[in-house]
């Protein structure tokens, strides 16, 4: 039996795979860009509301977005939703050159994306039914977090 290709559709130039994932896809930024743009801005607000308010305890950080774990990476935003399960997925949102992820100076506050054009590429890796689980998660994330607002300030 022939082995199925890992990448569905367009294959990225570096073609990196995630351990435990069975397939990957470069998401169409035109289709997913607005959802990813808004989700990241909501996460930046969740982060900055704690990070930039010195009266709050940093232990309040959950490093979660609607049950998906945020994995720290330079130049990209990575969410990991239990790839060991049959519906697990990993999302990588790569930032364009010129986008500053963090506030300047000693602050660890996050900059908001200025527009979906700050996203150079979005990749989804999954196993089993993870592709469909991701789309369902995007809907749930928006419904649960939309009322909390978005971080709109960008500091160069």
N, C-alpha and C. Protein backbone atom coordinates (compact mmCIF):
# COMPACT_ATOMS: atom_id res chain seq x y z
N UNK A 1 0.84 -1.17 0.00
CA UNK A 1 0.00 0.00 0.00
C UNK A 1 0.89 1.25 0.00
N UNK A 2 0.58 2.20 -0.86
CA UNK A 2 1.38 3.42 -0.97
C UNK A 2 1.12 4.34 0.22
N UNK A 3 2.16 4.96 0.65
CA UNK A 3 2.06 5.90 1.77
C UNK A 3 1.45 7.21 1.28
N UNK A 4 0.53 7.76 2.06
CA UNK A 4 -0.13 9.01 1.70
C UNK A 4 0.86 10.17 1.88
N UNK A 5 0.82 11.15 0.99
CA UNK A 5 1.69 12.32 1.18
C UNK A 5 1.27 13.10 2.42
N UNK A 6 2.24 13.70 3.09
CA UNK A 6 1.97 14.47 4.30
C UNK A 6 1.25 15.78 3.95
N UNK A 7 1.77 16.52 2.97
CA UNK A 7 1.22 17.83 2.64
C UNK A 7 0.06 17.71 1.69
N UNK A 8 -1.05 18.32 2.05
CA UNK A 8 -2.24 18.38 1.21
C UNK A 8 -2.17 19.71 0.46
N UNK A 9 -2.23 19.66 -0.85
CA UNK A 9 -2.15 20.90 -1.63
C UNK A 9 -0.73 21.42 -1.69
N UNK A 10 -0.60 22.75 -1.60
CA UNK A 10 0.70 23.42 -1.71
C UNK A 10 1.65 22.97 -0.61
N UNK A 11 2.85 22.64 -1.01
CA UNK A 11 3.89 22.23 -0.05
C UNK A 11 4.78 23.43 0.26
N UNK A 12 4.94 23.77 1.55
CA UNK A 12 5.80 24.92 1.88
C UNK A 12 7.26 24.63 1.56
N UNK A 13 8.03 25.71 1.35
CA UNK A 13 9.42 25.55 0.93
C UNK A 13 10.26 24.79 1.96
N UNK A 14 10.02 25.02 3.27
CA UNK A 14 10.83 24.29 4.26
C UNK A 14 10.20 22.93 4.58
N UNK A 15 8.93 22.75 4.29
CA UNK A 15 8.21 21.47 4.40
C UNK A 15 8.43 20.74 5.72
N UNK A 16 8.51 21.47 6.81
CA UNK A 16 8.70 20.83 8.11
C UNK A 16 7.41 20.19 8.58
N UNK A 17 7.57 19.00 9.18
CA UNK A 17 6.45 18.25 9.71
C UNK A 17 6.50 18.28 11.23
N UNK A 18 5.36 18.02 11.85
CA UNK A 18 5.31 17.90 13.31
C UNK A 18 5.20 16.44 13.67
N UNK A 19 5.98 16.04 14.66
CA UNK A 19 5.93 14.66 15.14
C UNK A 19 4.52 14.36 15.65
N UNK A 20 3.99 13.24 15.28
CA UNK A 20 2.67 12.83 15.70
C UNK A 20 1.56 13.22 14.74
N UNK A 21 1.84 14.19 13.87
CA UNK A 21 0.83 14.60 12.88
C UNK A 21 0.89 13.68 11.68
N UNK A 22 -0.26 13.50 11.05
CA UNK A 22 -0.34 12.64 9.87
C UNK A 22 -0.40 13.42 8.57
N UNK A 23 -0.83 14.69 8.66
CA UNK A 23 -0.98 15.49 7.45
C UNK A 23 -0.80 16.97 7.79
N UNK A 24 -0.53 17.75 6.77
CA UNK A 24 -0.37 19.19 6.94
C UNK A 24 -0.92 19.90 5.73
N UNK A 25 -1.29 21.16 5.95
CA UNK A 25 -1.84 21.97 4.86
C UNK A 25 -1.47 23.43 5.10
N UNK A 26 -1.10 24.11 4.02
CA UNK A 26 -0.92 25.54 4.08
C UNK A 26 -2.31 26.14 3.90
N UNK A 27 -2.79 26.82 4.94
CA UNK A 27 -4.13 27.39 4.89
C UNK A 27 -4.16 28.61 3.98
N UNK A 28 -5.24 28.80 3.29
CA UNK A 28 -5.45 29.95 2.43
C UNK A 28 -5.69 31.17 3.32
N UNK A 29 -4.76 32.12 3.32
CA UNK A 29 -4.88 33.29 4.19
C UNK A 29 -6.09 34.13 3.79
N UNK A 30 -6.50 34.09 2.54
CA UNK A 30 -7.71 34.81 2.14
C UNK A 30 -8.94 34.23 2.83
N UNK A 31 -9.00 32.93 2.97
CA UNK A 31 -10.15 32.27 3.60
C UNK A 31 -10.08 32.32 5.12
N UNK A 32 -8.90 32.07 5.68
CA UNK A 32 -8.74 31.96 7.13
C UNK A 32 -8.16 33.20 7.78
N UNK A 33 -7.65 34.12 6.98
CA UNK A 33 -6.91 35.27 7.51
C UNK A 33 -7.68 36.09 8.53
N UNK A 34 -8.94 36.40 8.25
CA UNK A 34 -9.70 37.23 9.19
C UNK A 34 -9.91 36.51 10.52
N UNK A 35 -10.24 35.23 10.48
CA UNK A 35 -10.44 34.45 11.71
C UNK A 35 -9.15 34.37 12.52
N UNK A 36 -8.02 34.13 11.86
CA UNK A 36 -6.74 34.04 12.56
C UNK A 36 -6.30 35.40 13.08
N UNK A 37 -6.52 36.45 12.29
CA UNK A 37 -6.20 37.81 12.69
C UNK A 37 -6.95 38.18 13.97
N UNK A 38 -8.24 37.95 14.00
CA UNK A 38 -9.06 38.29 15.17
C UNK A 38 -8.70 37.41 16.37
N UNK A 39 -8.46 36.12 16.15
CA UNK A 39 -8.09 35.21 17.24
C UNK A 39 -6.78 35.66 17.89
N UNK A 40 -5.79 36.04 17.08
CA UNK A 40 -4.51 36.47 17.65
C UNK A 40 -4.67 37.77 18.42
N UNK A 41 -5.47 38.70 17.93
CA UNK A 41 -5.69 39.96 18.64
C UNK A 41 -6.42 39.73 19.96
N UNK A 42 -7.32 38.77 19.99
CA UNK A 42 -7.99 38.43 21.26
C UNK A 42 -6.99 37.82 22.22
N UNK A 43 -6.09 36.95 21.70
CA UNK A 43 -5.07 36.37 22.56
C UNK A 43 -4.12 37.45 23.09
N UNK A 44 -3.72 38.40 22.23
CA UNK A 44 -2.84 39.49 22.67
C UNK A 44 -3.51 40.28 23.79
N UNK A 45 -4.82 40.49 23.71
CA UNK A 45 -5.53 41.20 24.77
C UNK A 45 -5.53 40.38 26.05
N UNK A 46 -5.82 39.09 25.94
CA UNK A 46 -5.81 38.20 27.11
C UNK A 46 -4.44 38.26 27.78
N UNK A 47 -3.38 38.22 26.99
CA UNK A 47 -2.01 38.24 27.50
C UNK A 47 -1.69 39.59 28.13
N UNK A 48 -1.95 40.68 27.39
CA UNK A 48 -1.57 42.01 27.84
C UNK A 48 -2.38 42.49 29.04
N UNK A 49 -3.62 42.04 29.14
CA UNK A 49 -4.42 42.42 30.31
C UNK A 49 -3.75 41.98 31.60
N UNK A 50 -3.02 40.88 31.55
CA UNK A 50 -2.29 40.38 32.73
C UNK A 50 -0.88 40.96 32.75
N UNK A 51 -0.18 40.88 31.63
CA UNK A 51 1.24 41.24 31.55
C UNK A 51 1.49 42.72 31.84
N UNK A 52 0.63 43.58 31.37
CA UNK A 52 0.87 45.02 31.48
C UNK A 52 0.18 45.66 32.68
N UNK A 53 -0.56 44.88 33.44
CA UNK A 53 -1.21 45.38 34.65
C UNK A 53 -0.40 44.88 35.85
N UNK A 54 0.42 45.77 36.43
CA UNK A 54 1.34 45.36 37.49
C UNK A 54 0.64 44.95 38.78
N UNK A 55 -0.66 45.21 38.87
CA UNK A 55 -1.39 44.79 40.06
C UNK A 55 -1.83 43.32 39.97
N UNK A 56 -1.69 42.73 38.78
CA UNK A 56 -2.09 41.33 38.61
C UNK A 56 -0.89 40.41 38.75
N UNK A 57 -1.17 39.18 39.13
CA UNK A 57 -0.14 38.18 39.31
C UNK A 57 0.10 37.46 37.98
N UNK A 58 1.37 37.32 37.58
CA UNK A 58 1.69 36.67 36.31
C UNK A 58 1.27 35.21 36.28
N UNK A 59 1.03 34.60 37.46
CA UNK A 59 0.59 33.21 37.48
C UNK A 59 -0.83 33.05 36.91
N UNK A 60 -1.51 34.16 36.65
CA UNK A 60 -2.83 34.09 36.04
C UNK A 60 -2.76 33.65 34.58
N UNK A 61 -1.58 33.77 33.97
CA UNK A 61 -1.44 33.35 32.57
C UNK A 61 -1.76 31.86 32.45
N UNK A 62 -2.63 31.52 31.53
CA UNK A 62 -2.96 30.12 31.32
C UNK A 62 -2.20 29.54 30.13
N UNK A 63 -1.70 30.40 29.25
CA UNK A 63 -1.03 29.97 28.02
C UNK A 63 -1.95 29.08 27.19
N UNK A 64 -3.25 29.37 27.28
CA UNK A 64 -4.26 28.62 26.53
C UNK A 64 -5.14 29.58 25.75
N UNK A 65 -5.58 29.11 24.60
CA UNK A 65 -6.61 29.79 23.83
C UNK A 65 -7.71 28.76 23.62
N UNK A 66 -8.75 28.88 24.41
CA UNK A 66 -9.90 27.98 24.27
C UNK A 66 -9.46 26.52 24.25
N UNK A 67 -8.67 26.11 25.20
CA UNK A 67 -8.13 24.76 25.44
C UNK A 67 -6.93 24.38 24.57
N UNK A 68 -6.55 25.19 23.60
CA UNK A 68 -5.35 24.91 22.80
C UNK A 68 -4.16 25.60 23.48
N UNK A 69 -3.06 24.89 23.63
CA UNK A 69 -1.89 25.40 24.33
C UNK A 69 -1.05 26.27 23.40
N UNK A 70 -0.63 27.43 23.90
CA UNK A 70 0.25 28.32 23.15
C UNK A 70 1.68 27.85 23.37
N UNK A 71 2.39 27.61 22.28
CA UNK A 71 3.78 27.17 22.32
C UNK A 71 4.63 28.34 21.86
N UNK A 72 5.56 28.79 22.68
CA UNK A 72 6.38 29.95 22.34
C UNK A 72 7.28 29.70 21.16
N UNK A 73 7.27 30.63 20.23
CA UNK A 73 8.15 30.55 19.06
C UNK A 73 8.47 31.95 18.60
N UNK A 74 9.65 32.15 18.08
CA UNK A 74 10.04 33.43 17.54
C UNK A 74 9.59 33.50 16.08
N UNK A 75 8.96 34.60 15.74
CA UNK A 75 8.55 34.80 14.35
C UNK A 75 7.26 34.11 13.97
N UNK A 76 6.64 33.43 14.93
CA UNK A 76 5.37 32.77 14.63
C UNK A 76 4.59 32.55 15.91
N UNK A 77 3.34 32.26 15.75
CA UNK A 77 2.42 31.96 16.85
C UNK A 77 1.97 30.53 16.64
N UNK A 78 2.19 29.67 17.63
CA UNK A 78 1.88 28.25 17.48
C UNK A 78 0.90 27.81 18.56
N UNK A 79 -0.16 27.16 18.12
CA UNK A 79 -1.15 26.57 19.01
C UNK A 79 -1.12 25.07 18.84
N UNK A 80 -1.15 24.35 19.95
CA UNK A 80 -1.04 22.89 19.96
C UNK A 80 -2.26 22.33 20.66
N UNK A 81 -3.09 21.60 19.94
CA UNK A 81 -4.29 21.03 20.54
C UNK A 81 -4.19 19.50 20.55
N UNK A 82 -3.44 18.99 21.49
CA UNK A 82 -3.29 17.56 21.78
C UNK A 82 -3.19 16.68 20.55
N UNK A 83 -2.03 16.74 19.89
CA UNK A 83 -1.79 15.97 18.66
C UNK A 83 -1.78 14.47 18.92
N UNK A 84 -1.76 14.05 20.18
CA UNK A 84 -1.77 12.61 20.48
C UNK A 84 -3.17 12.02 20.31
N UNK A 85 -4.20 12.87 20.31
CA UNK A 85 -5.58 12.38 20.12
C UNK A 85 -5.89 12.21 18.64
N UNK A 86 -6.94 11.47 18.35
CA UNK A 86 -7.32 11.26 16.95
C UNK A 86 -7.87 12.51 16.28
N UNK A 87 -8.18 13.54 17.05
CA UNK A 87 -8.66 14.78 16.45
C UNK A 87 -7.74 15.95 16.81
N UNK A 88 -6.48 15.65 17.08
CA UNK A 88 -5.52 16.68 17.46
C UNK A 88 -5.03 17.48 16.27
N UNK A 89 -4.57 18.70 16.55
CA UNK A 89 -4.05 19.57 15.50
C UNK A 89 -3.04 20.55 16.08
N UNK A 90 -2.22 21.12 15.19
CA UNK A 90 -1.24 22.15 15.52
C UNK A 90 -1.38 23.24 14.46
N UNK A 91 -1.50 24.47 14.93
CA UNK A 91 -1.60 25.62 14.03
C UNK A 91 -0.34 26.46 14.17
N UNK A 92 0.27 26.81 13.05
CA UNK A 92 1.41 27.72 13.02
C UNK A 92 1.01 28.95 12.20
N UNK A 93 1.06 30.11 12.82
CA UNK A 93 0.80 31.36 12.11
C UNK A 93 2.14 32.08 12.03
N UNK A 94 2.69 32.17 10.83
CA UNK A 94 3.99 32.81 10.64
C UNK A 94 3.79 34.29 10.34
N UNK A 95 4.62 35.12 11.00
CA UNK A 95 4.52 36.56 10.84
C UNK A 95 5.39 37.03 9.68
N UNK A 96 4.95 38.08 9.02
CA UNK A 96 5.73 38.71 7.95
C UNK A 96 6.91 39.47 8.54
N UNK A 97 7.94 39.63 7.73
CA UNK A 97 9.06 40.49 8.13
C UNK A 97 8.53 41.88 8.35
N UNK A 98 9.04 42.53 9.36
CA UNK A 98 8.60 43.87 9.66
C UNK A 98 7.57 43.92 10.76
N UNK A 99 6.96 42.78 11.08
CA UNK A 99 6.01 42.75 12.19
C UNK A 99 6.80 42.50 13.47
N UNK A 100 6.63 43.37 14.45
CA UNK A 100 7.30 43.22 15.74
C UNK A 100 6.37 42.49 16.69
N UNK A 101 6.73 41.28 17.09
CA UNK A 101 5.87 40.46 17.94
C UNK A 101 5.69 41.08 19.33
N UNK A 102 6.76 41.66 19.87
CA UNK A 102 6.72 42.17 21.24
C UNK A 102 6.84 43.68 21.26
N UNK A 103 6.34 44.27 22.32
CA UNK A 103 6.52 45.71 22.57
C UNK A 103 8.02 45.99 22.70
N UNK A 104 8.46 47.21 22.40
CA UNK A 104 9.89 47.52 22.52
C UNK A 104 10.33 47.63 23.99
N UNK A 105 11.60 47.58 24.18
CA UNK A 105 12.16 47.74 25.54
C UNK A 105 12.07 46.46 26.33
N UNK A 106 11.86 46.60 27.63
CA UNK A 106 11.86 45.45 28.53
C UNK A 106 10.50 44.80 28.66
N UNK A 107 9.50 45.34 28.02
CA UNK A 107 8.15 44.82 28.15
C UNK A 107 8.00 43.47 27.45
N UNK A 108 7.18 42.61 28.00
CA UNK A 108 6.86 41.35 27.32
C UNK A 108 5.41 41.38 26.84
N UNK A 109 4.87 42.58 26.71
CA UNK A 109 3.54 42.73 26.12
C UNK A 109 3.59 42.34 24.66
N UNK A 110 2.47 41.87 24.13
CA UNK A 110 2.39 41.45 22.74
C UNK A 110 1.79 42.55 21.88
N UNK A 111 2.35 42.73 20.70
CA UNK A 111 1.75 43.62 19.73
C UNK A 111 0.57 42.92 19.07
N UNK A 112 -0.43 43.70 18.71
CA UNK A 112 -1.54 43.15 17.94
C UNK A 112 -1.14 43.11 16.47
N UNK A 113 -1.70 42.19 15.73
CA UNK A 113 -1.51 42.24 14.29
C UNK A 113 -2.19 43.51 13.78
N UNK A 114 -1.55 44.19 12.85
CA UNK A 114 -2.13 45.43 12.31
C UNK A 114 -3.21 45.11 11.29
N UNK A 115 -3.02 44.04 10.55
CA UNK A 115 -4.01 43.56 9.58
C UNK A 115 -3.66 42.11 9.28
N UNK A 116 -4.50 41.45 8.52
CA UNK A 116 -4.18 40.06 8.19
C UNK A 116 -2.95 39.98 7.28
N UNK A 117 -2.52 41.13 6.73
CA UNK A 117 -1.30 41.16 5.91
C UNK A 117 -0.05 40.90 6.74
N UNK A 118 -0.13 41.00 8.08
CA UNK A 118 1.00 40.67 8.95
C UNK A 118 1.22 39.16 9.04
N UNK A 119 0.31 38.38 8.48
CA UNK A 119 0.44 36.92 8.44
C UNK A 119 1.07 36.54 7.11
N UNK A 120 2.23 35.93 7.16
CA UNK A 120 2.86 35.51 5.90
C UNK A 120 2.35 34.15 5.46
N UNK A 121 2.06 33.29 6.43
CA UNK A 121 1.59 31.95 6.10
C UNK A 121 0.98 31.31 7.34
N UNK A 122 -0.02 30.50 7.13
CA UNK A 122 -0.62 29.73 8.22
C UNK A 122 -0.61 28.27 7.81
N UNK A 123 -0.13 27.43 8.71
CA UNK A 123 -0.05 25.99 8.44
C UNK A 123 -0.81 25.23 9.50
N UNK A 124 -1.53 24.24 9.08
CA UNK A 124 -2.25 23.37 10.00
C UNK A 124 -1.72 21.96 9.84
N UNK A 125 -1.39 21.32 10.96
CA UNK A 125 -0.94 19.92 10.98
C UNK A 125 -1.96 19.17 11.82
N UNK A 126 -2.30 17.95 11.46
CA UNK A 126 -3.30 17.22 12.22
C UNK A 126 -3.13 15.72 12.08
N UNK A 127 -3.90 15.03 12.91
CA UNK A 127 -4.02 13.57 12.78
C UNK A 127 -5.49 13.24 12.86
N UNK A 128 -5.87 12.13 12.27
CA UNK A 128 -7.27 11.69 12.30
C UNK A 128 -8.22 12.75 11.79
N UNK A 129 -9.19 13.09 12.62
CA UNK A 129 -10.22 14.07 12.26
C UNK A 129 -9.83 15.50 12.70
N UNK A 130 -8.56 15.73 12.91
CA UNK A 130 -8.08 17.02 13.39
C UNK A 130 -8.38 18.19 12.48
N UNK A 131 -8.44 17.94 11.17
CA UNK A 131 -8.74 19.02 10.22
C UNK A 131 -10.12 19.60 10.51
N UNK A 132 -11.11 18.74 10.67
CA UNK A 132 -12.47 19.19 10.97
C UNK A 132 -12.57 19.75 12.39
N UNK A 133 -11.83 19.15 13.31
CA UNK A 133 -11.83 19.63 14.70
C UNK A 133 -11.29 21.05 14.78
N UNK A 134 -10.30 21.38 13.95
CA UNK A 134 -9.75 22.74 13.94
C UNK A 134 -10.81 23.75 13.50
N UNK A 135 -11.51 23.46 12.42
CA UNK A 135 -12.55 24.38 11.95
C UNK A 135 -13.63 24.58 13.02
N UNK A 136 -14.01 23.50 13.70
CA UNK A 136 -15.00 23.61 14.78
C UNK A 136 -14.43 24.43 15.93
N UNK A 137 -13.14 24.25 16.24
CA UNK A 137 -12.50 25.00 17.31
C UNK A 137 -12.50 26.50 17.01
N UNK A 138 -12.21 26.88 15.76
CA UNK A 138 -12.21 28.30 15.38
C UNK A 138 -13.56 28.96 15.68
N UNK A 139 -14.63 28.24 15.40
CA UNK A 139 -15.97 28.76 15.67
C UNK A 139 -16.20 28.91 17.17
N UNK A 140 -15.83 27.90 17.94
CA UNK A 140 -16.01 27.93 19.40
C UNK A 140 -15.16 29.05 20.01
N UNK A 141 -13.91 29.20 19.54
CA UNK A 141 -13.03 30.24 20.06
C UNK A 141 -13.66 31.61 19.85
N UNK A 142 -14.17 31.86 18.65
CA UNK A 142 -14.79 33.15 18.37
C UNK A 142 -16.00 33.39 19.28
N UNK A 143 -16.85 32.38 19.42
CA UNK A 143 -18.05 32.53 20.24
C UNK A 143 -17.71 32.78 21.70
N UNK A 144 -16.69 32.10 22.22
CA UNK A 144 -16.33 32.23 23.63
C UNK A 144 -15.55 33.51 23.94
N UNK A 145 -14.73 33.98 23.00
CA UNK A 145 -13.81 35.06 23.30
C UNK A 145 -14.13 36.40 22.65
N UNK A 146 -15.05 36.43 21.72
CA UNK A 146 -15.35 37.66 20.99
C UNK A 146 -15.76 38.80 21.93
N UNK A 147 -16.53 38.49 22.95
CA UNK A 147 -17.02 39.52 23.88
C UNK A 147 -15.91 40.11 24.75
N UNK A 148 -14.76 39.45 24.84
CA UNK A 148 -13.65 39.94 25.67
C UNK A 148 -12.86 41.05 24.99
N UNK A 149 -13.10 41.27 23.72
CA UNK A 149 -12.42 42.34 22.98
C UNK A 149 -11.09 41.92 22.40
N UNK A 150 -10.47 42.85 21.67
CA UNK A 150 -9.20 42.61 21.00
C UNK A 150 -8.20 43.70 21.37
N UNK A 151 -6.92 43.35 21.36
CA UNK A 151 -5.86 44.33 21.58
C UNK A 151 -5.57 44.97 20.24
N UNK A 152 -5.66 46.29 20.17
CA UNK A 152 -5.51 46.96 18.88
C UNK A 152 -4.24 47.79 18.76
N UNK A 153 -3.55 48.03 19.88
CA UNK A 153 -2.37 48.89 19.85
C UNK A 153 -1.16 48.17 19.29
N UNK A 154 -0.43 48.86 18.44
CA UNK A 154 0.82 48.33 17.87
C UNK A 154 1.92 49.32 18.17
N UNK A 155 3.00 48.84 18.78
CA UNK A 155 4.16 49.69 19.06
C UNK A 155 5.38 49.19 18.30
N UNK A 156 5.98 50.08 17.57
CA UNK A 156 7.15 49.70 16.77
C UNK A 156 8.43 49.82 17.58
